[in-house]
Each structure stands twice: as C-alpha cells, then as structure tokens.
Amino acid sequence: MRVVLDTVVFVRALINARSFSGRILSEFAPHFILLVSKETAQELLEVIRRPELAKKYKKLAVIRIEAVIELVAQAELILLDEIPQVVRDVKDDVFVATAQMGKADYLVTEDKDLLELTGDFDFEIVNTKNFIEILEAQATR
C-alpha cells in the first residue's frame, strides 16, 4: 500500500504518539510505503520549525529535527515534474501531485479542502480515523 501523509498528520503524530496520526506512524508504519516529495518534506520541516507551534505545543519545541528527517529519509522519494492546481489552497497541491506521481493508494489528511476534493484520481483521500480502520481491516485478513 502506497501512502502520502499531509503535514498535519505528521505534526499531530509528533505532538501525540497515541493519536490516530501517531498510531499511523508508529504502530502501522510497517504496513505501508510512505511517499514524499522534496516539496512535501520541505513543508513539513518548515511547519515544525514555526515558533508559534513550538509555543503552543511544548513537545514540538524539543523534537529533534533529525528524528523527522529520519522518518522522511525512509520514505520513497517522488520527483514532481509539475504541480497542477487542483485544490483551493495552492499549498495542498503538492500532496495531490505527490500522490498522483507516486501512484499512491491513499492520501491521508485532516485538511478539509483535501477531504472535500472531488476529481478523477487513482487514489483515495481519507482522514486519519478512516485510514486506521483500513489498516486494521487489512491486518485482520
């Protein structure tokens, strides 16, 4: 199973390892191939460095950037030729493009714009709760 996780999923996992996002990265990570592009990795690193997030979530302030880089380094790197605009928020287009170019099965997000996106995609856009249910169902087969 090939999967793209948006930045919010990563950040929530880093904040709370027991959240749906945290479980995806810790408990279920061996059950899927994580796909990242240079653009999605850059956004993740930029977001976790934001001072306002570190103030709000003390745990983020002490997270080692190396740990995040390690997670991303284990992923399959997808090279994006182009990033078509398909989402209202242009910053979300990189996740759709990464899923398309990486032949993902799922794009996992909590972003409302992405979850409401309709289009002719070869992947499914799901939230973290639904993705956990998919992973649990697959594990029982």
N, C-alpha and C. Protein backbone atom coordinates (compact mmCIF):
# COMPACT_ATOMS: atom_id res chain seq x y z
N MET A 1 0.84 -1.17 0.00
CA MET A 1 0.00 0.00 0.00
C MET A 1 0.90 1.24 0.00
N ARG A 2 0.64 2.15 -0.92
CA ARG A 2 1.44 3.36 -1.09
C ARG A 2 0.65 4.55 -0.56
N VAL A 3 1.29 5.36 0.30
CA VAL A 3 0.55 6.38 1.05
C VAL A 3 1.30 7.71 1.12
N VAL A 4 0.54 8.79 0.94
CA VAL A 4 1.05 10.14 1.17
C VAL A 4 0.34 10.67 2.42
N LEU A 5 1.12 11.20 3.35
CA LEU A 5 0.57 11.81 4.56
C LEU A 5 0.79 13.31 4.46
N ASP A 6 -0.24 14.09 4.75
CA ASP A 6 -0.03 15.53 4.71
C ASP A 6 0.69 15.99 5.97
N THR A 7 1.10 17.24 5.98
CA THR A 7 1.91 17.79 7.07
C THR A 7 1.18 17.72 8.41
N VAL A 8 -0.11 17.97 8.42
CA VAL A 8 -0.88 17.95 9.67
C VAL A 8 -0.81 16.56 10.32
N VAL A 9 -0.84 15.53 9.52
CA VAL A 9 -0.75 14.16 10.06
C VAL A 9 0.59 13.98 10.76
N PHE A 10 1.67 14.40 10.13
CA PHE A 10 2.99 14.31 10.75
C PHE A 10 3.06 15.11 12.05
N VAL A 11 2.59 16.35 12.00
CA VAL A 11 2.67 17.22 13.18
C VAL A 11 1.85 16.65 14.33
N ARG A 12 0.65 16.19 14.04
CA ARG A 12 -0.18 15.60 15.10
C ARG A 12 0.46 14.34 15.67
N ALA A 13 1.12 13.58 14.83
CA ALA A 13 1.82 12.38 15.31
C ALA A 13 2.97 12.76 16.23
N LEU A 14 3.67 13.83 15.90
CA LEU A 14 4.78 14.28 16.73
C LEU A 14 4.30 14.84 18.06
N ILE A 15 3.14 15.46 18.05
CA ILE A 15 2.58 16.04 19.28
C ILE A 15 2.03 14.96 20.20
N ASN A 16 1.33 13.97 19.60
CA ASN A 16 0.69 12.94 20.41
C ASN A 16 0.84 11.59 19.73
N ALA A 17 1.74 10.79 20.22
CA ALA A 17 2.02 9.47 19.63
C ALA A 17 0.85 8.51 19.73
N ARG A 18 -0.11 8.80 20.62
CA ARG A 18 -1.27 7.91 20.77
C ARG A 18 -2.48 8.35 19.95
N SER A 19 -2.37 9.48 19.25
CA SER A 19 -3.45 9.95 18.39
C SER A 19 -3.55 9.02 17.17
N PHE A 20 -4.61 9.20 16.37
CA PHE A 20 -4.71 8.43 15.13
C PHE A 20 -3.45 8.64 14.28
N SER A 21 -3.03 9.90 14.18
CA SER A 21 -1.83 10.21 13.39
C SER A 21 -0.60 9.52 13.96
N GLY A 22 -0.46 9.56 15.28
CA GLY A 22 0.67 8.91 15.94
C GLY A 22 0.68 7.42 15.71
N ARG A 23 -0.49 6.81 15.79
CA ARG A 23 -0.60 5.36 15.57
C ARG A 23 -0.23 4.99 14.13
N ILE A 24 -0.62 5.84 13.18
CA ILE A 24 -0.28 5.57 11.79
C ILE A 24 1.23 5.48 11.63
N LEU A 25 1.96 6.41 12.22
CA LEU A 25 3.41 6.44 12.05
C LEU A 25 4.17 5.45 12.93
N SER A 26 3.60 5.10 14.06
CA SER A 26 4.33 4.18 14.93
C SER A 26 3.84 2.74 14.77
N GLU A 27 2.59 2.52 15.03
CA GLU A 27 2.03 1.17 15.03
C GLU A 27 1.89 0.56 13.64
N PHE A 28 1.49 1.37 12.66
CA PHE A 28 1.16 0.83 11.34
C PHE A 28 2.19 1.12 10.24
N ALA A 29 3.23 1.85 10.56
CA ALA A 29 4.22 2.23 9.54
C ALA A 29 4.77 1.05 8.73
N PRO A 30 4.98 -0.12 9.34
CA PRO A 30 5.49 -1.24 8.54
C PRO A 30 4.50 -1.77 7.50
N HIS A 31 3.25 -1.33 7.56
CA HIS A 31 2.22 -1.87 6.68
C HIS A 31 1.97 -1.03 5.43
N PHE A 32 2.75 0.01 5.24
CA PHE A 32 2.58 0.81 4.03
C PHE A 32 3.90 1.46 3.64
N ILE A 33 3.97 1.89 2.39
CA ILE A 33 5.14 2.60 1.88
C ILE A 33 4.80 4.08 1.91
N LEU A 34 5.57 4.83 2.67
CA LEU A 34 5.38 6.27 2.76
C LEU A 34 6.01 6.94 1.55
N LEU A 35 5.26 7.83 0.92
CA LEU A 35 5.73 8.57 -0.24
C LEU A 35 5.90 10.04 0.13
N VAL A 36 7.03 10.61 -0.21
CA VAL A 36 7.25 12.04 0.00
C VAL A 36 7.90 12.62 -1.25
N SER A 37 7.71 13.90 -1.43
CA SER A 37 8.43 14.63 -2.47
C SER A 37 9.30 15.66 -1.75
N LYS A 38 10.21 16.23 -2.48
CA LYS A 38 11.06 17.28 -1.90
C LYS A 38 10.17 18.39 -1.34
N GLU A 39 9.11 18.70 -2.06
CA GLU A 39 8.21 19.79 -1.68
C GLU A 39 7.43 19.47 -0.39
N THR A 40 6.97 18.23 -0.24
CA THR A 40 6.23 17.88 0.98
C THR A 40 7.17 17.81 2.18
N ALA A 41 8.37 17.32 1.95
CA ALA A 41 9.36 17.26 3.04
C ALA A 41 9.77 18.66 3.49
N GLN A 42 9.95 19.57 2.54
CA GLN A 42 10.30 20.95 2.88
C GLN A 42 9.19 21.60 3.70
N GLU A 43 7.94 21.37 3.30
CA GLU A 43 6.83 21.97 4.05
C GLU A 43 6.80 21.44 5.48
N LEU A 44 7.00 20.14 5.63
CA LEU A 44 6.99 19.55 6.97
C LEU A 44 8.06 20.20 7.84
N LEU A 45 9.27 20.29 7.34
CA LEU A 45 10.35 20.88 8.12
C LEU A 45 10.08 22.36 8.44
N GLU A 46 9.49 23.06 7.49
CA GLU A 46 9.15 24.46 7.72
C GLU A 46 8.09 24.60 8.82
N VAL A 47 7.08 23.77 8.77
CA VAL A 47 5.98 23.85 9.74
C VAL A 47 6.46 23.52 11.15
N ILE A 48 7.24 22.46 11.30
CA ILE A 48 7.63 22.08 12.67
C ILE A 48 8.64 23.06 13.28
N ARG A 49 9.19 23.93 12.46
CA ARG A 49 10.11 24.95 12.97
C ARG A 49 9.40 26.25 13.34
N ARG A 50 8.10 26.35 13.08
CA ARG A 50 7.37 27.59 13.35
C ARG A 50 7.34 27.88 14.85
N PRO A 51 7.79 29.07 15.25
CA PRO A 51 7.83 29.42 16.67
C PRO A 51 6.45 29.38 17.34
N GLU A 52 5.40 29.77 16.60
CA GLU A 52 4.06 29.77 17.21
C GLU A 52 3.58 28.35 17.54
N LEU A 53 3.99 27.37 16.76
CA LEU A 53 3.64 25.98 17.07
C LEU A 53 4.43 25.50 18.28
N ALA A 54 5.69 25.85 18.34
CA ALA A 54 6.52 25.44 19.47
C ALA A 54 6.00 26.03 20.77
N LYS A 55 5.49 27.25 20.71
CA LYS A 55 4.91 27.87 21.91
C LYS A 55 3.65 27.14 22.36
N LYS A 56 2.81 26.83 21.38
CA LYS A 56 1.52 26.19 21.69
C LYS A 56 1.70 24.73 22.12
N TYR A 57 2.60 24.05 21.45
CA TYR A 57 2.84 22.63 21.74
C TYR A 57 4.27 22.46 22.20
N LYS A 58 4.47 22.45 23.48
CA LYS A 58 5.82 22.39 24.06
C LYS A 58 6.60 21.19 23.55
N LYS A 59 5.89 20.09 23.28
CA LYS A 59 6.56 18.88 22.81
C LYS A 59 7.27 19.11 21.48
N LEU A 60 6.68 19.94 20.62
CA LEU A 60 7.30 20.22 19.34
C LEU A 60 8.61 20.98 19.51
N ALA A 61 8.69 21.78 20.54
CA ALA A 61 9.89 22.58 20.77
C ALA A 61 11.11 21.70 21.06
N VAL A 62 10.89 20.51 21.59
CA VAL A 62 12.02 19.65 21.94
C VAL A 62 12.23 18.50 20.96
N ILE A 63 11.40 18.44 19.95
CA ILE A 63 11.55 17.37 18.96
C ILE A 63 12.83 17.60 18.17
N ARG A 64 13.58 16.58 18.03
CA ARG A 64 14.80 16.68 17.26
C ARG A 64 14.45 16.67 15.77
N ILE A 65 14.94 17.63 15.07
CA ILE A 65 14.72 17.70 13.63
C ILE A 65 15.27 16.44 12.96
N GLU A 66 16.33 15.88 13.54
CA GLU A 66 16.92 14.67 12.96
C GLU A 66 15.93 13.51 12.94
N ALA A 67 15.08 13.42 13.97
CA ALA A 67 14.10 12.34 14.02
C ALA A 67 13.10 12.46 12.88
N VAL A 68 12.70 13.68 12.58
CA VAL A 68 11.77 13.90 11.48
C VAL A 68 12.46 13.60 10.15
N ILE A 69 13.69 14.05 10.02
CA ILE A 69 14.44 13.78 8.80
C ILE A 69 14.61 12.27 8.60
N GLU A 70 14.82 11.56 9.68
CA GLU A 70 14.95 10.10 9.62
C GLU A 70 13.68 9.45 9.08
N LEU A 71 12.51 9.91 9.57
CA LEU A 71 11.23 9.39 9.07
C LEU A 71 11.10 9.63 7.57
N VAL A 72 11.38 10.85 7.18
CA VAL A 72 11.24 11.21 5.77
C VAL A 72 12.28 10.48 4.93
N ALA A 73 13.48 10.27 5.46
CA ALA A 73 14.55 9.60 4.72
C ALA A 73 14.20 8.15 4.41
N GLN A 74 13.36 7.54 5.22
CA GLN A 74 12.96 6.16 4.99
C GLN A 74 11.86 6.04 3.95
N ALA A 75 11.27 7.17 3.58
CA ALA A 75 10.17 7.16 2.62
C ALA A 75 10.70 7.05 1.19
N GLU A 76 9.81 6.72 0.29
CA GLU A 76 10.16 6.69 -1.13
C GLU A 76 10.03 8.11 -1.68
N LEU A 77 11.08 8.60 -2.29
CA LEU A 77 11.09 9.95 -2.82
C LEU A 77 10.44 9.99 -4.20
N ILE A 78 9.46 10.87 -4.33
CA ILE A 78 8.75 11.05 -5.59
C ILE A 78 9.19 12.38 -6.19
N LEU A 79 9.65 12.34 -7.42
CA LEU A 79 10.06 13.56 -8.11
C LEU A 79 8.86 14.13 -8.85
N LEU A 80 8.58 15.40 -8.60
CA LEU A 80 7.42 16.04 -9.22
C LEU A 80 7.86 16.81 -10.46
N ASP A 81 7.30 16.44 -11.59
CA ASP A 81 7.56 17.16 -12.83
C ASP A 81 6.83 18.50 -12.83
N GLU A 82 5.59 18.42 -12.41
CA GLU A 82 4.76 19.62 -12.35
C GLU A 82 3.78 19.47 -11.20
N ILE A 83 3.24 20.60 -10.78
CA ILE A 83 2.27 20.59 -9.69
C ILE A 83 1.03 21.33 -10.18
N PRO A 84 0.07 20.57 -10.74
CA PRO A 84 -1.14 21.23 -11.23
C PRO A 84 -1.98 21.77 -10.08
N GLN A 85 -2.66 22.87 -10.33
CA GLN A 85 -3.51 23.45 -9.29
C GLN A 85 -4.88 22.77 -9.33
N VAL A 86 -5.17 22.03 -8.26
CA VAL A 86 -6.46 21.33 -8.16
C VAL A 86 -7.18 21.63 -6.86
N VAL A 87 -6.48 22.22 -5.90
CA VAL A 87 -7.05 22.49 -4.58
C VAL A 87 -7.17 24.00 -4.39
N ARG A 88 -8.16 24.40 -3.62
CA ARG A 88 -8.36 25.83 -3.33
C ARG A 88 -7.10 26.44 -2.74
N ASP A 89 -6.51 25.74 -1.76
CA ASP A 89 -5.27 26.19 -1.13
C ASP A 89 -4.10 25.63 -1.94
N VAL A 90 -3.40 26.48 -2.65
CA VAL A 90 -2.32 26.07 -3.54
C VAL A 90 -1.27 25.23 -2.82
N LYS A 91 -1.04 25.46 -1.53
CA LYS A 91 -0.04 24.69 -0.78
C LYS A 91 -0.40 23.20 -0.70
N ASP A 92 -1.69 22.89 -0.85
CA ASP A 92 -2.12 21.49 -0.78
C ASP A 92 -1.89 20.74 -2.09
N ASP A 93 -1.66 21.46 -3.17
CA ASP A 93 -1.46 20.82 -4.46
C ASP A 93 -0.27 19.86 -4.48
N VAL A 94 0.77 20.14 -3.67
CA VAL A 94 1.95 19.25 -3.67
C VAL A 94 1.60 17.86 -3.15
N PHE A 95 0.63 17.77 -2.24
CA PHE A 95 0.24 16.46 -1.72
C PHE A 95 -0.52 15.66 -2.77
N VAL A 96 -1.39 16.34 -3.50
CA VAL A 96 -2.12 15.68 -4.59
C VAL A 96 -1.14 15.25 -5.68
N ALA A 97 -0.23 16.14 -6.05
CA ALA A 97 0.76 15.82 -7.09
C ALA A 97 1.66 14.66 -6.65
N THR A 98 2.07 14.65 -5.39
CA THR A 98 2.90 13.55 -4.88
C THR A 98 2.13 12.24 -4.93
N ALA A 99 0.87 12.27 -4.55
CA ALA A 99 0.03 11.05 -4.60
C ALA A 99 -0.13 10.58 -6.05
N GLN A 100 -0.38 11.51 -6.95
CA GLN A 100 -0.55 11.14 -8.37
C GLN A 100 0.73 10.57 -8.95
N MET A 101 1.83 11.29 -8.81
CA MET A 101 3.10 10.85 -9.40
C MET A 101 3.64 9.59 -8.74
N GLY A 102 3.34 9.43 -7.44
CA GLY A 102 3.82 8.27 -6.70
C GLY A 102 2.92 7.06 -6.79
N LYS A 103 1.84 7.20 -7.57
CA LYS A 103 0.87 6.11 -7.72
C LYS A 103 0.39 5.61 -6.35
N ALA A 104 0.02 6.59 -5.51
CA ALA A 104 -0.44 6.28 -4.16
C ALA A 104 -1.79 5.59 -4.19
N ASP A 105 -2.03 4.82 -3.16
CA ASP A 105 -3.36 4.25 -2.93
C ASP A 105 -4.19 5.20 -2.10
N TYR A 106 -3.51 5.92 -1.17
CA TYR A 106 -4.21 6.82 -0.26
C TYR A 106 -3.42 8.10 -0.04
N LEU A 107 -4.17 9.18 0.09
CA LEU A 107 -3.66 10.45 0.59
C LEU A 107 -4.38 10.65 1.92
N VAL A 108 -3.63 10.67 3.00
CA VAL A 108 -4.20 10.76 4.35
C VAL A 108 -4.04 12.19 4.84
N THR A 109 -5.16 12.77 5.26
CA THR A 109 -5.15 14.18 5.62
C THR A 109 -6.26 14.49 6.62
N GLU A 110 -6.12 15.61 7.28
CA GLU A 110 -7.20 16.16 8.10
C GLU A 110 -7.62 17.51 7.52
N ASP A 111 -7.06 17.86 6.37
CA ASP A 111 -7.34 19.13 5.71
C ASP A 111 -8.70 19.06 5.01
N LYS A 112 -9.59 19.95 5.39
CA LYS A 112 -10.95 19.96 4.86
C LYS A 112 -10.97 20.13 3.34
N ASP A 113 -10.12 21.03 2.83
CA ASP A 113 -10.08 21.24 1.38
C ASP A 113 -9.72 19.96 0.63
N LEU A 114 -8.77 19.22 1.16
CA LEU A 114 -8.38 17.97 0.52
C LEU A 114 -9.46 16.90 0.68
N LEU A 115 -10.05 16.82 1.86
CA LEU A 115 -11.08 15.80 2.10
C LEU A 115 -12.32 16.02 1.24
N GLU A 116 -12.60 17.27 0.90
CA GLU A 116 -13.77 17.59 0.08
C GLU A 116 -13.46 17.61 -1.41
N LEU A 117 -12.21 17.38 -1.76
CA LEU A 117 -11.77 17.43 -3.15
C LEU A 117 -12.42 16.31 -3.96
N THR A 118 -12.96 16.67 -5.08
CA THR A 118 -13.51 15.66 -5.99
C THR A 118 -12.71 15.74 -7.28
N GLY A 119 -12.54 14.62 -7.86
CA GLY A 119 -11.78 14.59 -9.11
C GLY A 119 -11.54 13.16 -9.52
N ASP A 120 -10.94 13.00 -10.65
CA ASP A 120 -10.66 11.68 -11.20
C ASP A 120 -9.24 11.27 -10.79
N PHE A 121 -9.12 10.81 -9.55
CA PHE A 121 -7.82 10.41 -9.02
C PHE A 121 -7.75 8.90 -8.91
N ASP A 122 -6.54 8.37 -9.01
CA ASP A 122 -6.32 6.93 -8.86
C ASP A 122 -6.05 6.56 -7.41
N PHE A 123 -6.25 7.49 -6.50
CA PHE A 123 -6.04 7.26 -5.07
C PHE A 123 -7.25 7.80 -4.32
N GLU A 124 -7.39 7.33 -3.10
CA GLU A 124 -8.49 7.76 -2.25
C GLU A 124 -7.97 8.76 -1.21
N ILE A 125 -8.74 9.78 -0.94
CA ILE A 125 -8.39 10.77 0.07
C ILE A 125 -9.21 10.46 1.32
N VAL A 126 -8.51 10.16 2.42
CA VAL A 126 -9.18 9.76 3.65
C VAL A 126 -8.59 10.50 4.85
N ASN A 127 -9.37 10.57 5.93
CA ASN A 127 -8.85 11.15 7.16
C ASN A 127 -8.12 10.07 7.96
N THR A 128 -7.47 10.47 9.03
CA THR A 128 -6.65 9.53 9.81
C THR A 128 -7.47 8.42 10.43
N LYS A 129 -8.66 8.74 10.93
CA LYS A 129 -9.52 7.72 11.55
C LYS A 129 -9.89 6.66 10.52
N ASN A 130 -10.31 7.08 9.34
CA ASN A 130 -10.67 6.12 8.30
C ASN A 130 -9.47 5.30 7.84
N PHE A 131 -8.30 5.93 7.79
CA PHE A 131 -7.12 5.19 7.37
C PHE A 131 -6.74 4.13 8.41
N ILE A 132 -6.88 4.45 9.68
CA ILE A 132 -6.64 3.45 10.73
C ILE A 132 -7.59 2.27 10.54
N GLU A 133 -8.85 2.56 10.25
CA GLU A 133 -9.83 1.48 10.03
C GLU A 133 -9.42 0.61 8.83
N ILE A 134 -8.93 1.24 7.78
CA ILE A 134 -8.45 0.49 6.59
C ILE A 134 -7.27 -0.39 6.97
N LEU A 135 -6.34 0.16 7.71
CA LEU A 135 -5.16 -0.60 8.14
C LEU A 135 -5.53 -1.74 9.07
N GLU A 136 -6.45 -1.50 10.00
CA GLU A 136 -6.89 -2.57 10.91
C GLU A 136 -7.60 -3.68 10.15
N ALA A 137 -8.43 -3.32 9.19
CA ALA A 137 -9.13 -4.32 8.39
C ALA A 137 -8.15 -5.15 7.58
N GLN A 138 -7.14 -4.50 7.06
CA GLN A 138 -6.11 -5.20 6.28
C GLN A 138 -5.31 -6.14 7.18
N ALA A 139 -5.06 -5.74 8.42
CA ALA A 139 -4.28 -6.57 9.34
C ALA A 139 -5.03 -7.83 9.75
N THR A 140 -6.35 -7.80 9.72
CA THR A 140 -7.14 -8.97 10.13
C THR A 140 -7.35 -9.96 8.99
N ARG A 141 -6.93 -9.60 7.80
CA ARG A 141 -7.10 -10.53 6.65
C ARG A 141 -6.10 -11.63 6.69
